[in-house]
Amino acid sequence: QVQVVESGGGSVQAGGSLRLSCAAAGDVNSIVCMAWFRQAPGKEREGVAAFDSAGVYLYLTYSVKGRFTVSQDNAKSTLSLQMNSLKEEDTGMYYCAASLVVRGQRCGLGLWREEDFGYWGQGTQVTVSS
């Protein structure tokens, strides 16, 4: 069993920064991919960033490239999302998720379905205002 808990959301003005953290607990050695998803009001949830457990493959959705960075600690139990130059369209609920099946390139290329991530956090709200 794996548990993931997000922290670090909040409200910020456009152009500002926030850092989200996701702490995994339990059978963390079985995790092969950790990812951040977000859901804006009235929209479907989308994958934002992902990091494979080997630290080789990194995925960032196009709209956040150059602004967001994702990193993982050496213990592979914490996934951080540094969000800079935030825009109003970044507003939404951000979820951390862990997968035991999305390995390597699949993780780094975003070749997944949400169902591949069996463990989800409760989400943390990010609000960006003009």
Protein backbone atom coordinates (compact mmCIF):
# COMPACT_ATOMS: atom_id res chain seq x y z
CA GLN A 1 0.00 0.00 0.00
CA VAL A 2 1.11 3.53 -0.78
CA GLN A 3 -0.14 6.81 0.57
CA VAL A 4 0.55 10.23 -0.93
CA VAL A 5 -0.08 13.59 0.67
CA GLU A 6 0.24 16.96 -1.03
CA SER A 7 1.17 20.27 0.56
CA GLY A 8 2.14 23.76 -0.48
CA GLY A 9 -0.86 25.12 -2.34
CA GLY A 10 -2.16 28.62 -1.85
CA SER A 11 -3.05 31.88 -3.52
CA VAL A 12 -0.62 34.01 -5.44
CA GLN A 13 -0.70 36.82 -7.95
CA ALA A 14 0.13 36.20 -11.58
CA GLY A 15 3.88 36.06 -12.08
CA GLY A 16 4.45 34.67 -8.61
CA SER A 17 5.75 31.29 -7.48
CA LEU A 18 4.60 28.36 -5.42
CA ARG A 19 6.20 25.08 -4.51
CA LEU A 20 4.14 21.95 -4.07
CA SER A 21 5.38 18.86 -2.30
CA CYS A 22 4.12 15.32 -2.40
CA ALA A 23 5.16 12.92 0.31
CA ALA A 24 4.78 9.22 -0.32
CA ALA A 25 4.65 6.66 2.43
CA GLY A 26 4.25 2.94 2.70
CA ASP A 27 5.71 0.69 0.03
CA VAL A 28 7.60 3.53 -1.72
CA ASN A 29 10.10 1.11 -3.29
CA SER A 30 7.29 -0.22 -5.47
CA ILE A 31 6.54 3.19 -6.96
CA VAL A 32 7.86 3.52 -10.53
CA CYS A 33 6.35 6.86 -11.49
CA MET A 34 5.06 9.82 -9.53
CA ALA A 35 3.11 12.58 -11.18
CA TRP A 36 1.28 15.83 -10.67
CA PHE A 37 -2.14 16.30 -12.18
CA ARG A 38 -4.37 19.35 -12.05
CA GLN A 39 -8.01 20.09 -12.60
CA ALA A 40 -9.21 23.57 -13.41
CA PRO A 41 -12.82 24.54 -12.74
CA GLY A 42 -15.06 23.08 -15.42
CA LYS A 43 -12.25 21.20 -17.11
CA GLU A 44 -10.97 17.65 -17.16
CA ARG A 45 -8.02 16.65 -15.08
CA GLU A 46 -4.71 16.77 -16.94
CA GLY A 47 -1.22 15.49 -16.28
CA VAL A 48 1.23 18.28 -15.57
CA ALA A 49 4.53 16.64 -14.64
CA ALA A 50 5.95 13.23 -13.90
CA PHE A 51 9.20 11.71 -12.76
CA ASP A 52 10.17 8.08 -13.06
CA SER A 53 11.64 6.43 -9.99
CA ALA A 54 15.01 5.86 -11.65
CA GLY A 55 15.35 9.59 -12.09
CA VAL A 56 15.93 9.24 -15.83
CA TYR A 57 12.68 10.31 -17.45
CA LEU A 58 10.90 13.57 -16.81
CA TYR A 59 7.59 14.71 -18.25
CA LEU A 60 6.25 18.23 -18.37
CA THR A 61 3.14 19.20 -20.25
CA TYR A 62 3.77 21.82 -22.93
CA SER A 63 1.95 24.67 -21.22
CA VAL A 64 4.25 24.60 -18.18
CA LYS A 65 7.61 24.02 -19.83
CA GLY A 66 10.08 26.72 -18.93
CA ARG A 67 8.02 27.69 -15.88
CA PHE A 68 7.60 24.53 -13.79
CA THR A 69 10.27 22.13 -12.63
CA VAL A 70 9.84 18.80 -10.93
CA SER A 71 12.31 17.05 -8.69
CA GLN A 72 12.48 14.02 -6.48
CA ASP A 73 14.49 13.48 -3.33
CA ASN A 74 17.14 10.76 -3.08
CA ALA A 75 14.84 8.57 -1.04
CA LYS A 76 12.32 8.81 -3.90
CA SER A 77 9.62 9.50 -1.39
CA THR A 78 9.02 13.19 -2.04
CA LEU A 79 8.13 14.76 -5.37
CA SER A 80 8.29 18.53 -5.58
CA LEU A 81 6.79 20.85 -8.16
CA GLN A 82 8.32 24.32 -8.36
CA MET A 83 5.95 26.62 -10.17
CA ASN A 84 7.29 29.95 -11.37
CA SER A 85 5.78 32.69 -13.52
CA LEU A 86 2.34 31.48 -12.59
CA LYS A 87 -0.59 32.40 -14.81
CA GLU A 88 -4.30 32.60 -14.07
CA GLU A 89 -4.80 29.50 -16.20
CA ASP A 90 -2.64 27.55 -13.74
CA THR A 91 -5.44 27.84 -11.20
CA GLY A 92 -6.89 24.53 -10.12
CA MET A 93 -6.72 21.62 -7.75
CA TYR A 94 -3.37 19.90 -7.96
CA TYR A 95 -3.14 16.20 -7.23
CA CYS A 96 -0.15 13.98 -6.66
CA ALA A 97 -0.38 10.40 -7.83
CA ALA A 98 1.82 7.33 -7.69
CA SER A 99 1.95 4.45 -10.12
CA LEU A 100 3.32 0.98 -9.70
CA VAL A 101 3.03 0.19 -13.43
CA VAL A 102 4.00 3.23 -15.54
CA ARG A 103 7.68 2.54 -15.98
CA GLY A 104 10.57 4.45 -17.49
CA GLN A 105 9.83 6.05 -20.84
CA ARG A 106 6.09 5.67 -20.41
CA CYS A 107 6.39 7.89 -17.36
CA GLY A 108 8.64 10.40 -19.05
CA LEU A 109 6.61 10.58 -22.25
CA GLY A 110 3.28 10.93 -20.52
CA LEU A 111 2.07 7.64 -22.03
CA TRP A 112 -0.40 6.80 -19.35
CA ARG A 113 -4.00 6.73 -18.39
CA GLU A 114 -5.21 8.06 -15.08
CA GLU A 115 -6.20 4.52 -14.16
CA ASP A 116 -2.50 3.59 -14.23
CA PHE A 117 -2.05 5.67 -11.11
CA GLY A 118 -3.48 3.69 -8.27
CA TYR A 119 -2.67 6.05 -5.45
CA TRP A 120 -3.86 9.64 -5.21
CA GLY A 121 -3.66 12.41 -2.70
CA GLN A 122 -6.56 14.60 -1.65
CA GLY A 123 -5.32 17.53 -3.68
CA THR A 124 -4.11 21.01 -2.88
CA GLN A 125 -5.64 24.18 -4.28
CA VAL A 126 -3.62 26.65 -6.32
CA THR A 127 -5.24 29.98 -7.10
CA VAL A 128 -3.55 32.54 -9.32
CA SER A 129 -5.12 35.97 -9.57
CA SER A 130 -4.42 38.87 -11.86
